[in-house]
């Protein structure tokens, strides 16, 4: 049976990894989301660590930023199994950040549809990544 959880070890909290995402991360864009990702070294049981961001300059009220963030997290939580299935056999670990880039508060169904469209693209990008080996 499929469990739709978002465990603490799946959440990206490391400031060092988040700064690495912005310095060396690769980007996938599909309006109004921009996704930055990077291959990382971590010993967690999950292949992807994720975090979510909504810029304060676009959405000034914290209540609205949190509402958008909750909708994106929920859509990711319910559909991340598709990403994990696409990564089956890939031993690399990835960090990913979802950045919402619009001033309006989206409907949940629009966000879920967008996440569903982006997950196969993210999986292809992850699987095509070849890390440097020494």
Protein backbone atom coordinates (compact mmCIF):
# COMPACT_ATOMS: atom_id res chain seq x y z
CA UNK A 1 0.00 0.00 0.00
CA UNK A 2 1.27 3.45 -0.95
CA UNK A 3 1.85 5.86 1.94
CA UNK A 4 1.64 9.55 1.15
CA UNK A 5 3.87 11.05 3.82
CA UNK A 6 6.51 13.75 3.84
CA UNK A 7 8.99 12.65 6.49
CA UNK A 8 11.37 14.96 8.27
CA UNK A 9 14.33 13.31 6.53
CA UNK A 10 12.76 14.20 3.15
CA UNK A 11 12.72 17.90 4.01
CA UNK A 12 15.68 19.99 2.95
CA UNK A 13 16.78 22.10 5.91
CA UNK A 14 20.55 22.39 5.49
CA UNK A 15 21.64 25.97 4.79
CA UNK A 16 24.78 24.65 3.14
CA UNK A 17 22.80 22.50 0.69
CA UNK A 18 20.31 25.29 -0.02
CA UNK A 19 23.14 27.71 -0.85
CA UNK A 20 24.66 25.00 -3.07
CA UNK A 21 21.31 24.76 -4.88
CA UNK A 22 21.43 28.45 -5.74
CA UNK A 23 25.14 28.44 -6.64
CA UNK A 24 25.45 25.27 -8.72
CA UNK A 25 21.91 23.99 -9.14
CA UNK A 26 20.31 23.29 -12.50
CA UNK A 27 16.94 24.81 -13.36
CA UNK A 28 13.66 23.52 -14.76
CA UNK A 29 11.02 26.17 -15.48
CA UNK A 30 7.32 25.88 -16.08
CA UNK A 31 5.41 29.00 -15.22
CA UNK A 32 4.68 29.80 -12.38
CA UNK A 33 7.13 27.31 -10.83
CA UNK A 34 10.89 27.26 -11.10
CA UNK A 35 12.67 24.18 -9.81
CA UNK A 36 16.36 24.14 -8.93
CA UNK A 37 18.05 20.83 -8.24
CA UNK A 38 21.50 19.48 -7.51
CA UNK A 39 23.05 16.08 -6.80
CA UNK A 40 24.15 15.83 -3.16
CA UNK A 41 25.82 13.43 -0.75
CA UNK A 42 23.58 12.40 2.12
CA UNK A 43 22.93 9.14 3.87
CA UNK A 44 19.15 9.41 4.09
CA UNK A 45 16.86 6.62 2.99
CA UNK A 46 15.02 8.88 0.54
CA UNK A 47 16.50 9.77 -2.86
CA UNK A 48 15.18 13.36 -2.86
CA UNK A 49 15.17 16.10 -0.24
CA UNK A 50 12.79 18.95 -1.05
CA UNK A 51 12.02 22.45 0.14
CA UNK A 52 9.64 25.16 -1.01
CA UNK A 53 10.03 28.93 -1.40
CA UNK A 54 7.81 31.89 -2.24
CA UNK A 55 9.62 35.25 -2.59
CA UNK A 56 8.51 37.97 -0.18
CA UNK A 57 8.75 40.64 -2.88
CA UNK A 58 6.12 38.84 -4.97
CA UNK A 59 3.78 37.81 -2.16
CA UNK A 60 4.27 40.30 0.70
CA UNK A 61 1.81 38.79 3.22
CA UNK A 62 3.12 35.80 5.15
CA UNK A 63 -0.38 34.33 5.37
CA UNK A 64 -0.58 34.14 1.58
CA UNK A 65 2.97 32.80 1.22
CA UNK A 66 2.20 30.04 3.72
CA UNK A 67 -1.06 29.20 1.92
CA UNK A 68 0.78 28.83 -1.40
CA UNK A 69 3.55 26.82 0.24
CA UNK A 70 1.00 24.43 1.81
CA UNK A 71 -0.65 23.85 -1.57
CA UNK A 72 2.67 23.11 -3.30
CA UNK A 73 3.81 20.80 -0.46
CA UNK A 74 0.53 18.88 -0.56
CA UNK A 75 0.68 18.43 -4.34
CA UNK A 76 4.31 17.25 -4.07
CA UNK A 77 3.53 14.91 -1.15
CA UNK A 78 0.71 13.21 -3.03
CA UNK A 79 2.66 12.81 -6.29
CA UNK A 80 6.28 12.28 -5.23
CA UNK A 81 5.88 8.52 -5.61
CA UNK A 82 5.86 9.13 -9.37
CA UNK A 83 9.27 10.82 -9.05
CA UNK A 84 10.60 8.00 -6.87
CA UNK A 85 9.38 5.44 -9.43
CA UNK A 86 11.16 7.37 -12.20
CA UNK A 87 14.37 7.29 -10.12
CA UNK A 88 14.22 3.54 -9.54
CA UNK A 89 17.73 2.19 -10.03
CA UNK A 90 19.40 5.61 -9.76
CA UNK A 91 21.74 5.54 -6.74
CA UNK A 92 22.29 9.34 -6.67
CA UNK A 93 20.65 11.57 -4.07
CA UNK A 94 19.17 14.93 -5.02
CA UNK A 95 18.15 18.19 -3.38
CA UNK A 96 15.33 20.15 -4.95
CA UNK A 97 13.67 23.52 -4.30
CA UNK A 98 10.31 24.59 -5.69
CA UNK A 99 10.12 28.38 -6.16
CA UNK A 100 6.73 29.91 -6.88
CA UNK A 101 7.02 33.01 -9.08
CA UNK A 102 3.66 34.69 -9.40
CA UNK A 103 1.80 37.31 -7.36
CA UNK A 104 -1.57 35.57 -7.31
CA UNK A 105 -2.67 32.75 -5.02
CA UNK A 106 -3.22 29.67 -7.19
CA UNK A 107 -5.99 27.13 -6.98
CA UNK A 108 -4.85 23.76 -5.57
CA UNK A 109 -5.93 21.86 -8.69
CA UNK A 110 -3.80 24.12 -10.90
CA UNK A 111 -0.77 23.49 -8.69
CA UNK A 112 -1.39 19.73 -8.63
CA UNK A 113 -1.69 19.65 -12.42
CA UNK A 114 1.55 21.63 -12.74
CA UNK A 115 3.41 19.30 -10.35
CA UNK A 116 2.08 16.26 -12.24
CA UNK A 117 3.34 17.75 -15.51
CA UNK A 118 6.76 18.57 -14.05
CA UNK A 119 7.52 15.31 -12.23
CA UNK A 120 8.33 13.28 -15.39
CA UNK A 121 10.55 16.15 -16.57
CA UNK A 122 12.34 16.22 -13.21
CA UNK A 123 12.78 12.43 -13.34
CA UNK A 124 14.32 12.63 -16.84
CA UNK A 125 16.68 15.39 -15.69
CA UNK A 126 17.74 13.38 -12.62
CA UNK A 127 18.29 10.20 -14.64
CA UNK A 128 20.30 11.96 -17.34
CA UNK A 129 22.63 13.48 -14.73
CA UNK A 130 26.08 11.91 -14.73
CA UNK A 131 28.11 12.87 -11.63
CA UNK A 132 31.81 13.45 -11.92
CA UNK A 133 33.83 10.51 -10.68
CA UNK A 134 37.48 10.77 -9.62
